[in-house]
Amino acid sequence: MRTPVLTLVALATLALLPTVLAAQAPQPDADFMRQAFQGGLAEVELGRLAADRAASLEVRQFGQRMVTDHGAANAELARLATRKGVVLPTEPGSAHAATRDRLAALGGIEFDRQYMAEMIRDHQEDVTAFQRQAESGQDPDVRAWAAGMLPVLREHARLAER
């Protein structure tokens, strides 16, 4: 009795293995997801800082938009990562923390200038990375998510440059 049950369990496990493996994102795509999520966390954190500290109403509004848009993107990416078996970081990386600390020490118009310069640089890099992922990522779901985010990131870059 024990052998047939073990055989059935083994066969069921083998039958499900391709489904489980298919759901996992390839390593380059998983790395992209982790980096995109970490960057999104930084955008939200810096956006909150700008919404609170910026001298200009336009910069405060831009910061709030970063909180809203990147917060929503992070939520979508978190759902995708869960489906793909990718564990995402829980906080921005050390480079982002250094940027946050540098900006937090500023005030007034100097904060506005440096924050917006950071947003221009960051969103240009994001557009390049997301374009590359959308064109050459291995996982079709991750490629589609990156492609779907490109118009938003391009709009952010355009707004930051203005």
N, C-alpha and C. Protein backbone atom coordinates (compact mmCIF):
# COMPACT_ATOMS: atom_id res chain seq x y z
N MET A 1 0.82 -1.20 0.00
CA MET A 1 0.00 0.00 0.00
C MET A 1 0.86 1.25 0.00
N ARG A 2 1.95 1.21 0.72
CA ARG A 2 2.82 2.38 0.85
C ARG A 2 3.51 2.72 -0.48
N THR A 3 3.97 1.72 -1.22
CA THR A 3 4.68 1.94 -2.47
C THR A 3 3.78 2.61 -3.52
N PRO A 4 2.52 2.17 -3.73
CA PRO A 4 1.69 2.86 -4.71
C PRO A 4 1.42 4.33 -4.34
N VAL A 5 1.27 4.63 -3.07
CA VAL A 5 1.04 6.01 -2.64
C VAL A 5 2.27 6.86 -2.93
N LEU A 6 3.44 6.36 -2.58
CA LEU A 6 4.68 7.08 -2.86
C LEU A 6 4.89 7.27 -4.35
N THR A 7 4.55 6.26 -5.13
CA THR A 7 4.67 6.37 -6.58
C THR A 7 3.74 7.45 -7.10
N LEU A 8 2.50 7.49 -6.61
CA LEU A 8 1.56 8.52 -7.05
C LEU A 8 2.04 9.92 -6.67
N VAL A 9 2.58 10.07 -5.48
CA VAL A 9 3.11 11.36 -5.04
C VAL A 9 4.27 11.77 -5.94
N ALA A 10 5.15 10.85 -6.23
CA ALA A 10 6.31 11.14 -7.09
C ALA A 10 5.85 11.54 -8.49
N LEU A 11 4.89 10.80 -9.04
CA LEU A 11 4.38 11.12 -10.38
C LEU A 11 3.69 12.49 -10.40
N ALA A 12 2.92 12.78 -9.37
CA ALA A 12 2.24 14.08 -9.29
C ALA A 12 3.26 15.21 -9.19
N THR A 13 4.30 15.00 -8.42
CA THR A 13 5.35 16.01 -8.29
C THR A 13 6.05 16.23 -9.62
N LEU A 14 6.38 15.16 -10.31
CA LEU A 14 7.02 15.28 -11.62
C LEU A 14 6.10 15.96 -12.63
N ALA A 15 4.82 15.69 -12.55
CA ALA A 15 3.86 16.32 -13.48
C ALA A 15 3.77 17.82 -13.25
N LEU A 16 3.90 18.25 -12.01
CA LEU A 16 3.81 19.68 -11.70
C LEU A 16 5.13 20.43 -11.89
N LEU A 17 6.24 19.71 -11.95
CA LEU A 17 7.54 20.35 -12.03
C LEU A 17 7.68 21.32 -13.21
N PRO A 18 7.25 20.97 -14.43
CA PRO A 18 7.37 21.95 -15.52
C PRO A 18 6.58 23.23 -15.25
N THR A 19 5.42 23.14 -14.62
CA THR A 19 4.62 24.32 -14.30
C THR A 19 5.35 25.20 -13.30
N VAL A 20 5.93 24.59 -12.28
CA VAL A 20 6.65 25.35 -11.27
C VAL A 20 7.87 26.01 -11.88
N LEU A 21 8.62 25.27 -12.68
CA LEU A 21 9.82 25.83 -13.30
C LEU A 21 9.47 26.92 -14.29
N ALA A 22 8.37 26.78 -15.03
CA ALA A 22 7.98 27.78 -16.01
C ALA A 22 7.61 29.10 -15.36
N ALA A 23 7.14 29.04 -14.13
CA ALA A 23 6.70 30.26 -13.45
C ALA A 23 7.88 31.09 -12.95
N GLN A 24 9.04 30.50 -12.83
CA GLN A 24 10.18 31.24 -12.29
C GLN A 24 10.85 32.06 -13.38
N ALA A 25 11.18 33.28 -13.04
CA ALA A 25 11.84 34.17 -13.99
C ALA A 25 13.31 33.78 -14.14
N PRO A 26 13.84 33.87 -15.36
CA PRO A 26 15.28 33.66 -15.55
C PRO A 26 16.07 34.67 -14.73
N GLN A 27 17.30 34.34 -14.39
CA GLN A 27 18.11 35.18 -13.50
C GLN A 27 18.24 36.64 -13.98
N PRO A 28 18.53 36.90 -15.27
CA PRO A 28 18.63 38.31 -15.68
C PRO A 28 17.31 39.07 -15.47
N ASP A 29 16.20 38.42 -15.69
CA ASP A 29 14.90 39.06 -15.49
C ASP A 29 14.63 39.27 -14.00
N ALA A 30 15.01 38.30 -13.19
CA ALA A 30 14.85 38.44 -11.74
C ALA A 30 15.72 39.59 -11.23
N ASP A 31 16.93 39.71 -11.76
CA ASP A 31 17.82 40.81 -11.36
C ASP A 31 17.20 42.15 -11.76
N PHE A 32 16.66 42.22 -12.97
CA PHE A 32 15.99 43.45 -13.42
C PHE A 32 14.84 43.81 -12.48
N MET A 33 14.03 42.81 -12.11
CA MET A 33 12.90 43.06 -11.22
C MET A 33 13.36 43.60 -9.88
N ARG A 34 14.42 43.02 -9.32
CA ARG A 34 14.93 43.50 -8.04
C ARG A 34 15.46 44.93 -8.15
N GLN A 35 16.20 45.21 -9.21
CA GLN A 35 16.74 46.57 -9.39
C GLN A 35 15.62 47.58 -9.63
N ALA A 36 14.63 47.20 -10.44
CA ALA A 36 13.52 48.11 -10.71
C ALA A 36 12.73 48.39 -9.44
N PHE A 37 12.52 47.36 -8.63
CA PHE A 37 11.78 47.55 -7.39
C PHE A 37 12.55 48.43 -6.42
N GLN A 38 13.84 48.18 -6.32
CA GLN A 38 14.68 48.98 -5.43
C GLN A 38 14.70 50.44 -5.89
N GLY A 39 14.79 50.65 -7.19
CA GLY A 39 14.72 52.01 -7.72
C GLY A 39 13.38 52.65 -7.46
N GLY A 40 12.31 51.87 -7.57
CA GLY A 40 10.98 52.38 -7.29
C GLY A 40 10.82 52.77 -5.83
N LEU A 41 11.39 51.97 -4.94
CA LEU A 41 11.36 52.33 -3.52
C LEU A 41 12.06 53.67 -3.28
N ALA A 42 13.19 53.85 -3.96
CA ALA A 42 13.93 55.11 -3.82
C ALA A 42 13.12 56.28 -4.37
N GLU A 43 12.46 56.09 -5.51
CA GLU A 43 11.64 57.15 -6.10
C GLU A 43 10.53 57.57 -5.14
N VAL A 44 9.91 56.61 -4.50
CA VAL A 44 8.84 56.91 -3.54
C VAL A 44 9.41 57.67 -2.35
N GLU A 45 10.53 57.20 -1.82
CA GLU A 45 11.14 57.85 -0.66
C GLU A 45 11.57 59.28 -0.99
N LEU A 46 12.24 59.45 -2.13
CA LEU A 46 12.67 60.79 -2.53
C LEU A 46 11.48 61.67 -2.89
N GLY A 47 10.45 61.07 -3.47
CA GLY A 47 9.24 61.83 -3.79
C GLY A 47 8.57 62.37 -2.54
N ARG A 48 8.52 61.56 -1.49
CA ARG A 48 7.96 62.03 -0.21
C ARG A 48 8.78 63.19 0.35
N LEU A 49 10.10 63.05 0.24
CA LEU A 49 10.99 64.11 0.71
C LEU A 49 10.71 65.40 -0.06
N ALA A 50 10.57 65.30 -1.38
CA ALA A 50 10.30 66.48 -2.21
C ALA A 50 8.93 67.07 -1.90
N ALA A 51 7.95 66.22 -1.71
CA ALA A 51 6.60 66.71 -1.41
C ALA A 51 6.58 67.49 -0.10
N ASP A 52 7.45 67.14 0.81
CA ASP A 52 7.51 67.81 2.11
C ASP A 52 8.45 69.02 2.13
N ARG A 53 9.57 68.95 1.39
CA ARG A 53 10.64 69.94 1.57
C ARG A 53 10.84 70.92 0.43
N ALA A 54 10.32 70.62 -0.73
CA ALA A 54 10.61 71.47 -1.89
C ALA A 54 10.08 72.89 -1.69
N ALA A 55 10.81 73.84 -2.22
CA ALA A 55 10.40 75.25 -2.14
C ALA A 55 9.32 75.54 -3.18
N SER A 56 9.45 74.93 -4.33
CA SER A 56 8.53 75.18 -5.44
C SER A 56 7.32 74.26 -5.38
N LEU A 57 6.16 74.80 -5.65
CA LEU A 57 4.94 74.00 -5.72
C LEU A 57 5.06 72.94 -6.82
N GLU A 58 5.66 73.30 -7.94
CA GLU A 58 5.81 72.33 -9.04
C GLU A 58 6.69 71.15 -8.64
N VAL A 59 7.75 71.43 -7.91
CA VAL A 59 8.63 70.33 -7.46
C VAL A 59 7.91 69.48 -6.42
N ARG A 60 7.15 70.10 -5.53
CA ARG A 60 6.36 69.32 -4.56
C ARG A 60 5.35 68.43 -5.29
N GLN A 61 4.69 68.97 -6.31
CA GLN A 61 3.72 68.18 -7.08
C GLN A 61 4.41 67.05 -7.83
N PHE A 62 5.57 67.33 -8.39
CA PHE A 62 6.34 66.29 -9.07
C PHE A 62 6.69 65.18 -8.08
N GLY A 63 7.15 65.56 -6.89
CA GLY A 63 7.48 64.58 -5.86
C GLY A 63 6.28 63.71 -5.50
N GLN A 64 5.13 64.33 -5.36
CA GLN A 64 3.91 63.57 -5.05
C GLN A 64 3.56 62.62 -6.18
N ARG A 65 3.79 63.05 -7.42
CA ARG A 65 3.51 62.17 -8.56
C ARG A 65 4.45 60.96 -8.54
N MET A 66 5.70 61.17 -8.12
CA MET A 66 6.64 60.05 -8.02
C MET A 66 6.14 59.05 -6.98
N VAL A 67 5.63 59.55 -5.87
CA VAL A 67 5.09 58.68 -4.83
C VAL A 67 3.93 57.85 -5.40
N THR A 68 3.03 58.51 -6.06
CA THR A 68 1.83 57.84 -6.60
C THR A 68 2.19 56.84 -7.70
N ASP A 69 2.92 57.31 -8.72
CA ASP A 69 3.20 56.46 -9.88
C ASP A 69 4.13 55.31 -9.54
N HIS A 70 5.21 55.60 -8.82
CA HIS A 70 6.15 54.53 -8.50
C HIS A 70 5.61 53.60 -7.42
N GLY A 71 4.75 54.12 -6.56
CA GLY A 71 4.08 53.25 -5.59
C GLY A 71 3.19 52.24 -6.29
N ALA A 72 2.43 52.70 -7.29
CA ALA A 72 1.57 51.80 -8.06
C ALA A 72 2.40 50.80 -8.86
N ALA A 73 3.48 51.27 -9.47
CA ALA A 73 4.35 50.38 -10.24
C ALA A 73 4.97 49.31 -9.33
N ASN A 74 5.38 49.71 -8.14
CA ASN A 74 5.95 48.75 -7.20
C ASN A 74 4.93 47.70 -6.80
N ALA A 75 3.69 48.10 -6.62
CA ALA A 75 2.64 47.13 -6.27
C ALA A 75 2.44 46.12 -7.40
N GLU A 76 2.43 46.60 -8.64
CA GLU A 76 2.30 45.69 -9.79
C GLU A 76 3.49 44.75 -9.86
N LEU A 77 4.68 45.31 -9.69
CA LEU A 77 5.89 44.51 -9.77
C LEU A 77 5.95 43.48 -8.65
N ALA A 78 5.49 43.84 -7.47
CA ALA A 78 5.48 42.89 -6.35
C ALA A 78 4.57 41.70 -6.67
N ARG A 79 3.42 41.96 -7.28
CA ARG A 79 2.53 40.85 -7.66
C ARG A 79 3.19 39.95 -8.70
N LEU A 80 3.84 40.57 -9.69
CA LEU A 80 4.52 39.81 -10.72
C LEU A 80 5.66 38.99 -10.11
N ALA A 81 6.43 39.60 -9.24
CA ALA A 81 7.55 38.90 -8.61
C ALA A 81 7.07 37.70 -7.81
N THR A 82 5.95 37.84 -7.13
CA THR A 82 5.40 36.73 -6.37
C THR A 82 5.07 35.57 -7.30
N ARG A 83 4.44 35.88 -8.43
CA ARG A 83 4.10 34.84 -9.41
C ARG A 83 5.34 34.18 -9.99
N LYS A 84 6.43 34.94 -10.09
CA LYS A 84 7.65 34.43 -10.71
C LYS A 84 8.64 33.86 -9.70
N GLY A 85 8.29 33.89 -8.42
CA GLY A 85 9.17 33.34 -7.39
C GLY A 85 10.40 34.19 -7.12
N VAL A 86 10.28 35.50 -7.35
CA VAL A 86 11.40 36.41 -7.13
C VAL A 86 11.19 37.15 -5.81
N VAL A 87 12.19 37.12 -4.95
CA VAL A 87 12.14 37.84 -3.69
C VAL A 87 12.71 39.23 -3.93
N LEU A 88 11.91 40.24 -3.60
CA LEU A 88 12.30 41.63 -3.84
C LEU A 88 12.92 42.25 -2.59
N PRO A 89 13.77 43.27 -2.78
CA PRO A 89 14.36 43.95 -1.63
C PRO A 89 13.28 44.71 -0.85
N THR A 90 13.58 45.02 0.38
CA THR A 90 12.61 45.72 1.22
C THR A 90 12.93 47.19 1.41
N GLU A 91 14.10 47.61 0.92
CA GLU A 91 14.46 49.02 1.05
C GLU A 91 15.41 49.40 -0.08
N PRO A 92 15.52 50.71 -0.33
CA PRO A 92 16.46 51.15 -1.37
C PRO A 92 17.89 50.78 -1.00
N GLY A 93 18.74 50.68 -1.98
CA GLY A 93 20.14 50.32 -1.74
C GLY A 93 20.95 51.46 -1.16
N SER A 94 22.21 51.20 -0.92
CA SER A 94 23.08 52.18 -0.27
C SER A 94 23.30 53.43 -1.13
N ALA A 95 23.37 53.28 -2.43
CA ALA A 95 23.53 54.46 -3.30
C ALA A 95 22.31 55.37 -3.19
N HIS A 96 21.14 54.77 -3.15
CA HIS A 96 19.91 55.55 -2.99
C HIS A 96 19.85 56.21 -1.62
N ALA A 97 20.31 55.49 -0.61
CA ALA A 97 20.32 56.05 0.75
C ALA A 97 21.26 57.25 0.82
N ALA A 98 22.39 57.17 0.13
CA ALA A 98 23.33 58.29 0.12
C ALA A 98 22.71 59.51 -0.57
N THR A 99 21.99 59.27 -1.65
CA THR A 99 21.30 60.37 -2.35
C THR A 99 20.25 60.98 -1.44
N ARG A 100 19.48 60.14 -0.78
CA ARG A 100 18.46 60.64 0.15
C ARG A 100 19.08 61.50 1.24
N ASP A 101 20.16 61.00 1.83
CA ASP A 101 20.82 61.74 2.90
C ASP A 101 21.36 63.08 2.42
N ARG A 102 21.94 63.07 1.22
CA ARG A 102 22.48 64.30 0.65
C ARG A 102 21.37 65.31 0.41
N LEU A 103 20.25 64.85 -0.16
CA LEU A 103 19.13 65.76 -0.44
C LEU A 103 18.45 66.22 0.85
N ALA A 104 18.36 65.35 1.82
CA ALA A 104 17.70 65.70 3.08
C ALA A 104 18.43 66.81 3.82
N ALA A 105 19.72 66.96 3.54
CA ALA A 105 20.51 68.00 4.20
C ALA A 105 20.33 69.36 3.53
N LEU A 106 19.65 69.39 2.40
CA LEU A 106 19.46 70.64 1.66
C LEU A 106 18.10 71.23 1.97
N GLY A 107 17.96 72.47 1.60
CA GLY A 107 16.67 73.13 1.75
C GLY A 107 16.45 74.14 0.65
N GLY A 108 15.23 74.60 0.53
CA GLY A 108 14.89 75.67 -0.39
C GLY A 108 15.18 75.35 -1.84
N ILE A 109 15.59 76.38 -2.56
CA ILE A 109 15.82 76.26 -3.99
C ILE A 109 16.95 75.29 -4.31
N GLU A 110 17.94 75.18 -3.41
CA GLU A 110 19.04 74.23 -3.65
C GLU A 110 18.53 72.80 -3.60
N PHE A 111 17.61 72.51 -2.68
CA PHE A 111 16.99 71.17 -2.66
C PHE A 111 16.30 70.93 -4.00
N ASP A 112 15.50 71.90 -4.43
CA ASP A 112 14.74 71.75 -5.68
C ASP A 112 15.67 71.45 -6.85
N ARG A 113 16.74 72.22 -6.98
CA ARG A 113 17.69 72.04 -8.10
C ARG A 113 18.31 70.65 -8.07
N GLN A 114 18.78 70.26 -6.93
CA GLN A 114 19.49 68.98 -6.84
C GLN A 114 18.53 67.79 -6.98
N TYR A 115 17.35 67.91 -6.39
CA TYR A 115 16.36 66.84 -6.52
C TYR A 115 15.98 66.65 -7.99
N MET A 116 15.69 67.74 -8.67
CA MET A 116 15.28 67.62 -10.07
C MET A 116 16.43 67.14 -10.95
N ALA A 117 17.66 67.55 -10.66
CA ALA A 117 18.81 67.03 -11.40
C ALA A 117 18.92 65.52 -11.21
N GLU A 118 18.69 65.06 -9.99
CA GLU A 118 18.70 63.63 -9.70
C GLU A 118 17.59 62.91 -10.46
N MET A 119 16.42 63.51 -10.51
CA MET A 119 15.29 62.90 -11.21
C MET A 119 15.53 62.81 -12.71
N ILE A 120 16.17 63.83 -13.28
CA ILE A 120 16.50 63.78 -14.71
C ILE A 120 17.47 62.62 -14.97
N ARG A 121 18.54 62.58 -14.21
CA ARG A 121 19.54 61.53 -14.38
C ARG A 121 18.93 60.14 -14.17
N ASP A 122 18.18 59.99 -13.09
CA ASP A 122 17.61 58.69 -12.73
C ASP A 122 16.61 58.21 -13.79
N HIS A 123 15.76 59.10 -14.25
CA HIS A 123 14.75 58.67 -15.22
C HIS A 123 15.35 58.39 -16.60
N GLN A 124 16.43 59.07 -16.96
CA GLN A 124 17.12 58.74 -18.20
C GLN A 124 17.69 57.32 -18.11
N GLU A 125 18.30 57.01 -16.98
CA GLU A 125 18.83 55.66 -16.77
C GLU A 125 17.70 54.63 -16.76
N ASP A 126 16.59 54.95 -16.12
CA ASP A 126 15.45 54.04 -16.06
C ASP A 126 14.91 53.74 -17.45
N VAL A 127 14.74 54.78 -18.26
CA VAL A 127 14.20 54.58 -19.62
C VAL A 127 15.12 53.64 -20.39
N THR A 128 16.42 53.82 -20.29
CA THR A 128 17.37 52.95 -20.98
C THR A 128 17.25 51.51 -20.50
N ALA A 129 17.21 51.31 -19.18
CA ALA A 129 17.13 49.95 -18.63
C ALA A 129 15.80 49.28 -18.97
N PHE A 130 14.71 50.02 -18.88
CA PHE A 130 13.40 49.43 -19.17
C PHE A 130 13.25 49.14 -20.66
N GLN A 131 13.81 50.00 -21.51
CA GLN A 131 13.78 49.75 -22.95
C GLN A 131 14.53 48.47 -23.28
N ARG A 132 15.71 48.32 -22.68
CA ARG A 132 16.51 47.11 -22.90
C ARG A 132 15.74 45.87 -22.45
N GLN A 133 15.11 45.95 -21.28
CA GLN A 133 14.34 44.81 -20.77
C GLN A 133 13.15 44.50 -21.68
N ALA A 134 12.46 45.54 -22.12
CA ALA A 134 11.28 45.34 -22.97
C ALA A 134 11.67 44.70 -24.31
N GLU A 135 12.86 44.98 -24.79
CA GLU A 135 13.31 44.44 -26.07
C GLU A 135 13.97 43.08 -25.96
N SER A 136 14.69 42.84 -24.86
CA SER A 136 15.50 41.62 -24.84
C SER A 136 15.34 40.76 -23.60
N GLY A 137 14.39 41.08 -22.73
CA GLY A 137 14.16 40.22 -21.57
C GLY A 137 13.71 38.84 -22.00
N GLN A 138 14.01 37.85 -21.20
CA GLN A 138 13.67 36.47 -21.54
C GLN A 138 12.23 36.11 -21.16
N ASP A 139 11.77 36.61 -20.04
CA ASP A 139 10.43 36.28 -19.56
C ASP A 139 9.42 37.22 -20.20
N PRO A 140 8.42 36.69 -20.90
CA PRO A 140 7.46 37.56 -21.59
C PRO A 140 6.64 38.45 -20.66
N ASP A 141 6.35 37.98 -19.46
CA ASP A 141 5.59 38.79 -18.51
C ASP A 141 6.41 39.97 -18.00
N VAL A 142 7.68 39.74 -17.74
CA VAL A 142 8.57 40.80 -17.26
C VAL A 142 8.82 41.80 -18.40
N ARG A 143 9.01 41.28 -19.62
CA ARG A 143 9.15 42.16 -20.79
C ARG A 143 7.93 43.05 -20.95
N ALA A 144 6.75 42.47 -20.82
CA ALA A 144 5.51 43.23 -20.98
C ALA A 144 5.36 44.29 -19.89
N TRP A 145 5.72 43.94 -18.66
CA TRP A 145 5.63 44.92 -17.58
C TRP A 145 6.58 46.09 -17.85
N ALA A 146 7.81 45.79 -18.25
CA ALA A 146 8.79 46.84 -18.54
C ALA A 146 8.29 47.72 -19.69
N ALA A 147 7.75 47.11 -20.73
CA ALA A 147 7.23 47.88 -21.87
C ALA A 147 6.07 48.76 -21.44
N GLY A 148 5.23 48.26 -20.56
CA GLY A 148 4.09 49.03 -20.07
C GLY A 148 4.50 50.21 -19.22
N MET A 149 5.63 50.12 -18.57
CA MET A 149 6.13 51.21 -17.72
C MET A 149 6.85 52.29 -18.51
N LEU A 150 7.31 51.97 -19.71
CA LEU A 150 8.10 52.94 -20.48
C LEU A 150 7.39 54.27 -20.72
N PRO A 151 6.12 54.28 -21.11
CA PRO A 151 5.48 55.59 -21.32
C PRO A 151 5.44 56.44 -20.05
N VAL A 152 5.24 55.82 -18.91
CA VAL A 152 5.22 56.55 -17.63
C VAL A 152 6.60 57.11 -17.33
N LEU A 153 7.63 56.30 -17.51
CA LEU A 153 8.99 56.76 -17.23
C LEU A 153 9.42 57.86 -18.19
N ARG A 154 9.01 57.74 -19.44
CA ARG A 154 9.34 58.80 -20.41
C ARG A 154 8.64 60.10 -20.03
N GLU A 155 7.41 60.00 -19.57
CA GLU A 155 6.68 61.18 -19.12
C GLU A 155 7.36 61.79 -17.90
N HIS A 156 7.80 60.96 -16.97
CA HIS A 156 8.53 61.47 -15.79
C HIS A 156 9.80 62.20 -16.23
N ALA A 157 10.54 61.61 -17.16
CA ALA A 157 11.78 62.24 -17.65
C ALA A 157 11.46 63.59 -18.30
N ARG A 158 10.40 63.63 -19.09
CA ARG A 158 10.01 64.88 -19.75
C ARG A 158 9.62 65.93 -18.73
N LEU A 159 8.83 65.54 -17.74
CA LEU A 159 8.42 66.49 -16.69
C LEU A 159 9.63 66.98 -15.88
N ALA A 160 10.55 66.07 -15.58
CA ALA A 160 11.72 66.46 -14.79
C ALA A 160 12.58 67.46 -15.56
N GLU A 161 12.72 67.27 -16.84
CA GLU A 161 13.53 68.18 -17.65
C GLU A 161 12.88 69.56 -17.76
N ARG A 162 11.57 69.61 -17.71
CA ARG A 162 10.87 70.90 -17.76
C ARG A 162 11.06 71.64 -16.46
